[in-house]
């Protein structure tokens, strides 16, 4: 447990936050659903097979990139705090827990449309179990749909997955700043913002396998750089929040990044 000498949020703050998050989650779910209906082309399909899991949100199945809809899992570069206030690679852990749960079994994915990165959006099942729901119920993703809010509450109450410590909501992670809220199932260390928002947080990759550097150009274009490329050593990962580590070219390309020319 975290030291009693450190300051924590009172339980009533947590309960108030949870109630407000439930309302925000419902509103997010409605907003995302309406936006998807208006902007996304129809891409209905049923895909089956053993997938390649790229991150906690994204898989490749039947040569199609699928984004699990209605949930927000941490990206593989995200760092969280554990029950003792220590940093850990929660984004990589979320992906690995999904790989472990999948265990080479066949998935059935039902997709309806595509997102901005041309990933098919849908719900996936393993032997009848809804994988999207499992990710939220197990604490490895947050709800982005009203129908999943109850599973998020269950995970936070059980201190499961991300909820075992303190973290930044996955949708806030790429644009985190001094005003970003740090959340947790029970208590948040007083220095959580300092640790999770520090410029040196991602000076090193979150995992030895995640050595690809991603940069965002002024135009918004997302470019990834491989070790050995001329541009690679010139990139200082502490300079801009928009820069991130990626674990594979497949992950990079599935989430909207293109390879640097040199």
C-alpha atoms as a PDB file:
ATOM      1  CA  UNK A   1       0.000   0.000   0.000  1.00  0.00           C
ATOM      2  CA  UNK A   2       1.065   3.609  -0.450  1.00  0.00           C
ATOM      3  CA  UNK A   3       2.714   5.217   2.607  1.00  0.00           C
ATOM      4  CA  UNK A   4       0.327   6.865   5.079  1.00  0.00           C
ATOM      5  CA  UNK A   5       2.617   9.896   5.134  1.00  0.00           C
ATOM      6  CA  UNK A   6       1.589  10.758   1.590  1.00  0.00           C
ATOM      7  CA  UNK A   7      -1.560  12.711   0.834  1.00  0.00           C
ATOM      8  CA  UNK A   8      -4.536  10.992  -0.784  1.00  0.00           C
ATOM      9  CA  UNK A   9      -7.916  12.011  -2.046  1.00  0.00           C
ATOM     10  CA  UNK A  10     -10.763  11.416   0.403  1.00  0.00           C
ATOM     11  CA  UNK A  11     -13.184   8.610  -0.402  1.00  0.00           C
ATOM     12  CA  UNK A  12     -15.991  11.085  -1.039  1.00  0.00           C
ATOM     13  CA  UNK A  13     -13.860  12.649  -3.783  1.00  0.00           C
ATOM     14  CA  UNK A  14     -13.511   9.257  -5.403  1.00  0.00           C
ATOM     15  CA  UNK A  15     -17.248   8.604  -5.198  1.00  0.00           C
ATOM     16  CA  UNK A  16     -18.044  12.038  -6.629  1.00  0.00           C
ATOM     17  CA  UNK A  17     -15.540  11.444  -9.419  1.00  0.00           C
ATOM     18  CA  UNK A  18     -17.072   8.048 -10.216  1.00  0.00           C
ATOM     19  CA  UNK A  19     -20.575   9.547 -10.436  1.00  0.00           C
ATOM     20  CA  UNK A  20     -19.355  12.342 -12.690  1.00  0.00           C
ATOM     21  CA  UNK A  21     -17.371   9.884 -14.819  1.00  0.00           C
ATOM     22  CA  UNK A  22     -20.501   7.768 -15.286  1.00  0.00           C
ATOM     23  CA  UNK A  23     -22.301  10.811 -16.712  1.00  0.00           C
ATOM     24  CA  UNK A  24     -19.286  11.753 -18.843  1.00  0.00           C
ATOM     25  CA  UNK A  25     -19.024   8.175 -20.089  1.00  0.00           C
ATOM     26  CA  UNK A  26     -22.681   8.180 -21.138  1.00  0.00           C
ATOM     27  CA  UNK A  27     -22.229  11.495 -22.944  1.00  0.00           C
ATOM     28  CA  UNK A  28     -19.015  10.275 -24.614  1.00  0.00           C
ATOM     29  CA  UNK A  29     -20.763   7.121 -25.768  1.00  0.00           C
ATOM     30  CA  UNK A  30     -23.662   9.055 -27.272  1.00  0.00           C
ATOM     31  CA  UNK A  31     -21.329  11.585 -28.916  1.00  0.00           C
ATOM     32  CA  UNK A  32     -19.062   8.899 -30.410  1.00  0.00           C
ATOM     33  CA  UNK A  33     -22.038   6.917 -31.686  1.00  0.00           C
ATOM     34  CA  UNK A  34     -23.625   9.945 -33.381  1.00  0.00           C
ATOM     35  CA  UNK A  35     -20.298  11.037 -34.883  1.00  0.00           C
ATOM     36  CA  UNK A  36     -19.647   7.544 -36.219  1.00  0.00           C
ATOM     37  CA  UNK A  37     -23.089   7.342 -37.815  1.00  0.00           C
ATOM     38  CA  UNK A  38     -22.600  10.690 -39.546  1.00  0.00           C
ATOM     39  CA  UNK A  39     -18.971  10.388 -40.691  1.00  0.00           C
ATOM     40  CA  UNK A  40     -18.133   6.697 -41.088  1.00  0.00           C
ATOM     41  CA  UNK A  41     -18.784   4.699 -44.218  1.00  0.00           C
ATOM     42  CA  UNK A  42     -20.557   1.386 -43.815  1.00  0.00           C
ATOM     43  CA  UNK A  43     -18.141  -1.541 -43.626  1.00  0.00           C
ATOM     44  CA  UNK A  44     -20.176  -4.444 -42.241  1.00  0.00           C
ATOM     45  CA  UNK A  45     -18.346  -7.753 -42.021  1.00  0.00           C
ATOM     46  CA  UNK A  46     -17.833 -10.821 -39.855  1.00  0.00           C
ATOM     47  CA  UNK A  47     -14.205 -11.844 -39.423  1.00  0.00           C
ATOM     48  CA  UNK A  48     -12.984 -15.053 -37.787  1.00  0.00           C
ATOM     49  CA  UNK A  49      -9.595 -16.433 -36.817  1.00  0.00           C
ATOM     50  CA  UNK A  50      -6.740 -16.189 -34.344  1.00  0.00           C
ATOM     51  CA  UNK A  51      -5.781 -12.487 -34.333  1.00  0.00           C
ATOM     52  CA  UNK A  52      -2.505 -10.681 -34.025  1.00  0.00           C
ATOM     53  CA  UNK A  53      -2.949  -8.324 -31.065  1.00  0.00           C
ATOM     54  CA  UNK A  54      -1.237  -4.983 -31.724  1.00  0.00           C
ATOM     55  CA  UNK A  55      -2.313  -3.045 -28.635  1.00  0.00           C
ATOM     56  CA  UNK A  56      -5.136  -3.049 -26.084  1.00  0.00           C
ATOM     57  CA  UNK A  57      -7.526  -1.555 -28.659  1.00  0.00           C
ATOM     58  CA  UNK A  58      -6.344  -2.965 -31.968  1.00  0.00           C
ATOM     59  CA  UNK A  59      -6.009  -6.395 -33.548  1.00  0.00           C
ATOM     60  CA  UNK A  60      -5.297  -7.757 -37.002  1.00  0.00           C
ATOM     61  CA  UNK A  61      -7.601 -10.541 -38.145  1.00  0.00           C
ATOM     62  CA  UNK A  62      -8.057 -11.902 -41.680  1.00  0.00           C
ATOM     63  CA  UNK A  63      -5.618  -9.203 -42.872  1.00  0.00           C
ATOM     64  CA  UNK A  64      -7.966  -6.536 -41.510  1.00  0.00           C
ATOM     65  CA  UNK A  65      -7.121  -4.101 -38.723  1.00  0.00           C
ATOM     66  CA  UNK A  66      -9.964  -4.017 -36.201  1.00  0.00           C
ATOM     67  CA  UNK A  67     -10.418  -1.443 -33.452  1.00  0.00           C
ATOM     68  CA  UNK A  68     -12.454  -2.713 -30.468  1.00  0.00           C
ATOM     69  CA  UNK A  69     -15.371  -0.284 -30.257  1.00  0.00           C
ATOM     70  CA  UNK A  70     -16.831   1.275 -27.129  1.00  0.00           C
ATOM     71  CA  UNK A  71     -13.613   1.072 -25.101  1.00  0.00           C
ATOM     72  CA  UNK A  72     -10.414   3.051 -24.582  1.00  0.00           C
ATOM     73  CA  UNK A  73      -7.336   1.021 -23.611  1.00  0.00           C
ATOM     74  CA  UNK A  74      -3.983   2.717 -22.919  1.00  0.00           C
ATOM     75  CA  UNK A  75      -1.629   3.017 -25.876  1.00  0.00           C
ATOM     76  CA  UNK A  76       1.538   0.943 -25.597  1.00  0.00           C
ATOM     77  CA  UNK A  77       3.621   3.981 -24.613  1.00  0.00           C
ATOM     78  CA  UNK A  78       1.429   4.888 -21.621  1.00  0.00           C
ATOM     79  CA  UNK A  79       2.932   4.821 -18.139  1.00  0.00           C
ATOM     80  CA  UNK A  80       0.883   4.463 -14.926  1.00  0.00           C
ATOM     81  CA  UNK A  81       1.603   4.241 -11.197  1.00  0.00           C
ATOM     82  CA  UNK A  82       1.175   1.013  -9.219  1.00  0.00           C
ATOM     83  CA  UNK A  83      -0.144   0.602  -5.673  1.00  0.00           C
ATOM     84  CA  UNK A  84       3.235   1.721  -4.304  1.00  0.00           C
ATOM     85  CA  UNK A  85       3.420   4.813  -6.497  1.00  0.00           C
ATOM     86  CA  UNK A  86       6.014   3.298  -8.823  1.00  0.00           C
ATOM     87  CA  UNK A  87       5.938   3.712 -12.600  1.00  0.00           C
ATOM     88  CA  UNK A  88       4.944   0.761 -14.763  1.00  0.00           C
ATOM     89  CA  UNK A  89       4.256   0.242 -18.466  1.00  0.00           C
ATOM     90  CA  UNK A  90       0.487  -0.165 -18.219  1.00  0.00           C
ATOM     91  CA  UNK A  91      -0.077   0.209 -21.973  1.00  0.00           C
ATOM     92  CA  UNK A  92       2.199  -2.725 -22.769  1.00  0.00           C
ATOM     93  CA  UNK A  93       0.616  -4.651 -19.874  1.00  0.00           C
ATOM     94  CA  UNK A  94      -2.904  -4.078 -21.254  1.00  0.00           C
ATOM     95  CA  UNK A  95      -1.830  -5.480 -24.620  1.00  0.00           C
ATOM     96  CA  UNK A  96      -0.056  -8.451 -23.009  1.00  0.00           C
ATOM     97  CA  UNK A  97      -3.041  -9.280 -20.788  1.00  0.00           C
ATOM     98  CA  UNK A  98      -5.247  -9.361 -23.885  1.00  0.00           C
ATOM     99  CA  UNK A  99      -2.746 -11.658 -25.605  1.00  0.00           C
ATOM    100  CA  UNK A 100      -2.733 -13.913 -22.547  1.00  0.00           C
ATOM    101  CA  UNK A 101      -6.534 -13.984 -22.384  1.00  0.00           C
ATOM    102  CA  UNK A 102      -6.780 -14.744 -26.101  1.00  0.00           C
ATOM    103  CA  UNK A 103      -4.317 -17.630 -25.746  1.00  0.00           C
ATOM    104  CA  UNK A 104      -4.333 -18.410 -29.469  1.00  0.00           C
ATOM    105  CA  UNK A 105      -8.088 -19.015 -29.559  1.00  0.00           C
ATOM    106  CA  UNK A 106     -10.363 -18.126 -32.465  1.00  0.00           C
ATOM    107  CA  UNK A 107     -12.065 -14.726 -32.397  1.00  0.00           C
ATOM    108  CA  UNK A 108     -15.278 -13.712 -34.146  1.00  0.00           C
ATOM    109  CA  UNK A 109     -15.466  -9.994 -34.880  1.00  0.00           C
ATOM    110  CA  UNK A 110     -18.544  -8.177 -36.132  1.00  0.00           C
ATOM    111  CA  UNK A 111     -17.713  -4.811 -37.696  1.00  0.00           C
ATOM    112  CA  UNK A 112     -19.986  -2.058 -39.000  1.00  0.00           C
ATOM    113  CA  UNK A 113     -17.840   0.923 -40.033  1.00  0.00           C
ATOM    114  CA  UNK A 114     -14.270   2.271 -40.095  1.00  0.00           C
ATOM    115  CA  UNK A 115     -12.447   4.931 -38.073  1.00  0.00           C
ATOM    116  CA  UNK A 116     -10.132   7.749 -39.165  1.00  0.00           C
ATOM    117  CA  UNK A 117      -7.213   5.314 -39.486  1.00  0.00           C
ATOM    118  CA  UNK A 118      -9.251   2.921 -41.660  1.00  0.00           C
ATOM    119  CA  UNK A 119      -9.558   0.356 -38.900  1.00  0.00           C
ATOM    120  CA  UNK A 120     -12.819  -1.578 -38.887  1.00  0.00           C
ATOM    121  CA  UNK A 121     -14.788  -0.820 -35.707  1.00  0.00           C
ATOM    122  CA  UNK A 122     -16.611  -3.629 -34.000  1.00  0.00           C
ATOM    123  CA  UNK A 123     -17.219  -6.079 -31.211  1.00  0.00           C
ATOM    124  CA  UNK A 124     -15.189  -9.263 -30.936  1.00  0.00           C
ATOM    125  CA  UNK A 125     -15.981 -12.519 -29.182  1.00  0.00           C
ATOM    126  CA  UNK A 126     -13.990 -15.507 -27.925  1.00  0.00           C
ATOM    127  CA  UNK A 127     -16.191 -18.567 -27.503  1.00  0.00           C
ATOM    128  CA  UNK A 128     -19.181 -16.274 -26.998  1.00  0.00           C
ATOM    129  CA  UNK A 129     -17.462 -13.928 -24.528  1.00  0.00           C
ATOM    130  CA  UNK A 130     -17.446 -10.243 -25.523  1.00  0.00           C
ATOM    131  CA  UNK A 131     -13.770  -9.215 -25.582  1.00  0.00           C
ATOM    132  CA  UNK A 132     -14.586  -5.494 -25.500  1.00  0.00           C
ATOM    133  CA  UNK A 133     -16.517  -5.995 -22.253  1.00  0.00           C
ATOM    134  CA  UNK A 134     -13.778  -8.242 -20.837  1.00  0.00           C
ATOM    135  CA  UNK A 135     -11.184  -5.494 -21.302  1.00  0.00           C
ATOM    136  CA  UNK A 136     -13.278  -2.988 -19.322  1.00  0.00           C
ATOM    137  CA  UNK A 137     -14.410  -5.486 -16.666  1.00  0.00           C
ATOM    138  CA  UNK A 138     -10.798  -6.592 -16.118  1.00  0.00           C
ATOM    139  CA  UNK A 139      -9.640  -3.005 -15.691  1.00  0.00           C
ATOM    140  CA  UNK A 140      -7.432  -2.887 -18.797  1.00  0.00           C
ATOM    141  CA  UNK A 141      -9.623  -0.361 -20.627  1.00  0.00           C
ATOM    142  CA  UNK A 142     -12.098   2.388 -19.792  1.00  0.00           C
ATOM    143  CA  UNK A 143     -15.622   2.645 -21.083  1.00  0.00           C
ATOM    144  CA  UNK A 144     -16.339   4.865 -24.070  1.00  0.00           C
ATOM    145  CA  UNK A 145     -19.923   3.596 -24.325  1.00  0.00           C
ATOM    146  CA  UNK A 146     -22.791   3.912 -21.864  1.00  0.00           C
ATOM    147  CA  UNK A 147     -23.429   0.166 -22.054  1.00  0.00           C
ATOM    148  CA  UNK A 148     -19.959  -0.575 -20.625  1.00  0.00           C
ATOM    149  CA  UNK A 149     -20.065   1.894 -17.706  1.00  0.00           C
ATOM    150  CA  UNK A 150     -21.234  -0.701 -15.196  1.00  0.00           C
ATOM    151  CA  UNK A 151     -18.205  -2.896 -15.990  1.00  0.00           C
ATOM    152  CA  UNK A 152     -15.857   0.046 -15.432  1.00  0.00           C
ATOM    153  CA  UNK A 153     -17.427   0.668 -12.020  1.00  0.00           C
ATOM    154  CA  UNK A 154     -16.972  -3.000 -11.151  1.00  0.00           C
ATOM    155  CA  UNK A 155     -13.294  -2.908 -12.186  1.00  0.00           C
ATOM    156  CA  UNK A 156     -12.570   0.267 -10.209  1.00  0.00           C
ATOM    157  CA  UNK A 157     -14.250  -1.159  -7.106  1.00  0.00           C
ATOM    158  CA  UNK A 158     -12.159  -4.323  -7.401  1.00  0.00           C
ATOM    159  CA  UNK A 159      -8.934  -2.321  -7.985  1.00  0.00           C
ATOM    160  CA  UNK A 160      -8.430  -4.390 -11.147  1.00  0.00           C
ATOM    161  CA  UNK A 161      -5.862  -3.689 -13.856  1.00  0.00           C
ATOM    162  CA  UNK A 162      -5.228   0.042 -14.287  1.00  0.00           C
ATOM    163  CA  UNK A 163      -7.382   0.684 -11.207  1.00  0.00           C
ATOM    164  CA  UNK A 164      -4.791  -0.930  -8.938  1.00  0.00           C
ATOM    165  CA  UNK A 165      -2.966   2.389  -8.853  1.00  0.00           C
ATOM    166  CA  UNK A 166      -3.144   5.828 -10.459  1.00  0.00           C
ATOM    167  CA  UNK A 167      -3.249   6.753 -14.143  1.00  0.00           C
ATOM    168  CA  UNK A 168      -4.287   9.225 -16.809  1.00  0.00           C
ATOM    169  CA  UNK A 169      -7.402   8.351 -18.818  1.00  0.00           C
ATOM    170  CA  UNK A 170      -6.274   6.916 -22.183  1.00  0.00           C
ATOM    171  CA  UNK A 171      -8.062   9.638 -24.171  1.00  0.00           C
ATOM    172  CA  UNK A 172      -6.142  12.300 -22.201  1.00  0.00           C
ATOM    173  CA  UNK A 173      -2.721  10.632 -22.427  1.00  0.00           C
ATOM    174  CA  UNK A 174      -1.649  11.923 -25.890  1.00  0.00           C
ATOM    175  CA  UNK A 175      -2.546  15.523 -24.945  1.00  0.00           C
ATOM    176  CA  UNK A 176      -1.631  15.440 -21.249  1.00  0.00           C
ATOM    177  CA  UNK A 177      -0.705  18.728 -19.575  1.00  0.00           C
ATOM    178  CA  UNK A 178      -0.683  20.360 -16.161  1.00  0.00           C
ATOM    179  CA  UNK A 179      -4.472  20.462 -16.119  1.00  0.00           C
ATOM    180  CA  UNK A 180      -4.860  16.729 -16.809  1.00  0.00           C
ATOM    181  CA  UNK A 181      -6.657  14.796 -14.080  1.00  0.00           C
ATOM    182  CA  UNK A 182      -4.935  11.803 -12.499  1.00  0.00           C
ATOM    183  CA  UNK A 183      -7.431   9.123 -11.529  1.00  0.00           C
ATOM    184  CA  UNK A 184      -7.399   5.920  -9.518  1.00  0.00           C
ATOM    185  CA  UNK A 185      -9.661   3.434  -7.778  1.00  0.00           C
ATOM    186  CA  UNK A 186      -9.034   4.611  -4.247  1.00  0.00           C
ATOM    187  CA  UNK A 187      -6.310   7.177  -3.805  1.00  0.00           C
ATOM    188  CA  UNK A 188      -3.881   9.200  -5.858  1.00  0.00           C
ATOM    189  CA  UNK A 189      -0.397  10.106  -4.561  1.00  0.00           C
ATOM    190  CA  UNK A 190       0.185  13.830  -4.205  1.00  0.00           C
ATOM    191  CA  UNK A 191       3.170  13.688  -6.587  1.00  0.00           C
ATOM    192  CA  UNK A 192       1.310  11.709  -9.287  1.00  0.00           C
ATOM    193  CA  UNK A 193       1.068  14.673 -11.651  1.00  0.00           C
ATOM    194  CA  UNK A 194       4.750  15.466 -11.245  1.00  0.00           C
ATOM    195  CA  UNK A 195       5.687  11.860 -12.054  1.00  0.00           C
ATOM    196  CA  UNK A 196       3.262  11.230 -14.924  1.00  0.00           C
ATOM    197  CA  UNK A 197       3.677  14.627 -16.562  1.00  0.00           C
ATOM    198  CA  UNK A 198       7.450  14.911 -16.201  1.00  0.00           C
ATOM    199  CA  UNK A 199       9.361  15.618 -19.422  1.00  0.00           C
ATOM    200  CA  UNK A 200      11.756  12.707 -18.803  1.00  0.00           C
ATOM    201  CA  UNK A 201       8.940  10.178 -18.350  1.00  0.00           C
ATOM    202  CA  UNK A 202       9.317   8.768 -21.852  1.00  0.00           C
ATOM    203  CA  UNK A 203      12.985   9.499 -22.436  1.00  0.00           C
ATOM    204  CA  UNK A 204      13.400   5.710 -22.463  1.00  0.00           C
ATOM    205  CA  UNK A 205      11.029   3.239 -24.183  1.00  0.00           C
ATOM    206  CA  UNK A 206       8.350   1.674 -21.963  1.00  0.00           C
ATOM    207  CA  UNK A 207       9.611  -1.784 -22.924  1.00  0.00           C
ATOM    208  CA  UNK A 208      12.815  -3.073 -24.623  1.00  0.00           C
ATOM    209  CA  UNK A 209      10.692  -4.138 -27.592  1.00  0.00           C
ATOM    210  CA  UNK A 210       9.197  -0.677 -28.136  1.00  0.00           C
ATOM    211  CA  UNK A 211      12.070   1.096 -29.886  1.00  0.00           C
ATOM    212  CA  UNK A 212      10.232   2.786 -32.762  1.00  0.00           C
ATOM    213  CA  UNK A 213       9.960   6.571 -32.445  1.00  0.00           C
ATOM    214  CA  UNK A 214       6.799   8.329 -33.584  1.00  0.00           C
ATOM    215  CA  UNK A 215       6.660  12.052 -34.361  1.00  0.00           C
ATOM    216  CA  UNK A 216       3.793  14.307 -35.404  1.00  0.00           C
ATOM    217  CA  UNK A 217       4.526  16.953 -38.021  1.00  0.00           C
ATOM    218  CA  UNK A 218       3.033  20.451 -37.960  1.00  0.00           C
ATOM    219  CA  UNK A 219       0.638  19.280 -40.653  1.00  0.00           C
ATOM    220  CA  UNK A 220      -0.622  16.583 -38.283  1.00  0.00           C
ATOM    221  CA  UNK A 221       1.010  13.779 -40.264  1.00  0.00           C
ATOM    222  CA  UNK A 222       2.190  10.919 -38.038  1.00  0.00           C
ATOM    223  CA  UNK A 223       5.601   9.484 -38.995  1.00  0.00           C
ATOM    224  CA  UNK A 224       7.514   6.609 -37.422  1.00  0.00           C
ATOM    225  CA  UNK A 225      11.285   6.185 -37.396  1.00  0.00           C
ATOM    226  CA  UNK A 226      13.102   2.864 -37.089  1.00  0.00           C
ATOM    227  CA  UNK A 227      16.445   2.294 -35.337  1.00  0.00           C
ATOM    228  CA  UNK A 228      19.158   2.649 -37.979  1.00  0.00           C
ATOM    229  CA  UNK A 229      17.365   5.292 -40.015  1.00  0.00           C
ATOM    230  CA  UNK A 230      19.199   8.608 -40.365  1.00  0.00           C
ATOM    231  CA  UNK A 231      16.382  10.511 -38.668  1.00  0.00           C
ATOM    232  CA  UNK A 232      16.194   8.214 -35.641  1.00  0.00           C
ATOM    233  CA  UNK A 233      19.068   9.561 -33.534  1.00  0.00           C
ATOM    234  CA  UNK A 234      18.042  13.173 -34.175  1.00  0.00           C
ATOM    235  CA  UNK A 235      14.749  12.782 -32.305  1.00  0.00           C
ATOM    236  CA  UNK A 236      14.710  13.749 -28.630  1.00  0.00           C
ATOM    237  CA  UNK A 237      11.660  12.023 -27.121  1.00  0.00           C
ATOM    238  CA  UNK A 238      11.469  14.505 -24.223  1.00  0.00           C
ATOM    239  CA  UNK A 239      10.880  17.566 -26.396  1.00  0.00           C
ATOM    240  CA  UNK A 240       7.239  17.231 -27.466  1.00  0.00           C
ATOM    241  CA  UNK A 241       4.195  15.518 -25.955  1.00  0.00           C
ATOM    242  CA  UNK A 242       3.134  14.425 -29.442  1.00  0.00           C
ATOM    243  CA  UNK A 243       6.155  12.143 -29.753  1.00  0.00           C
ATOM    244  CA  UNK A 244       5.683   8.559 -28.631  1.00  0.00           C
ATOM    245  CA  UNK A 245       7.248   5.106 -28.634  1.00  0.00           C
ATOM    246  CA  UNK A 246       5.763   2.329 -30.757  1.00  0.00           C
ATOM    247  CA  UNK A 247       6.328  -1.402 -30.406  1.00  0.00           C
ATOM    248  CA  UNK A 248       6.008  -2.637 -33.994  1.00  0.00           C
ATOM    249  CA  UNK A 249       5.573  -1.405 -37.533  1.00  0.00           C
ATOM    250  CA  UNK A 250       2.229  -3.212 -37.658  1.00  0.00           C
ATOM    251  CA  UNK A 251       1.022  -1.259 -34.617  1.00  0.00           C
ATOM    252  CA  UNK A 252       2.308   1.996 -36.094  1.00  0.00           C
ATOM    253  CA  UNK A 253       0.645   1.540 -39.469  1.00  0.00           C
ATOM    254  CA  UNK A 254      -2.634   0.314 -37.956  1.00  0.00           C
ATOM    255  CA  UNK A 255      -2.871   3.464 -35.844  1.00  0.00           C
ATOM    256  CA  UNK A 256      -2.196   5.998 -38.572  1.00  0.00           C
ATOM    257  CA  UNK A 257       1.599   6.355 -38.754  1.00  0.00           C
ATOM    258  CA  UNK A 258       3.687   6.117 -41.920  1.00  0.00           C
ATOM    259  CA  UNK A 259       7.340   5.148 -42.194  1.00  0.00           C
ATOM    260  CA  UNK A 260       9.937   7.915 -42.502  1.00  0.00           C
ATOM    261  CA  UNK A 261      11.604   8.131 -45.898  1.00  0.00           C
ATOM    262  CA  UNK A 262      15.078   8.013 -44.372  1.00  0.00           C
END
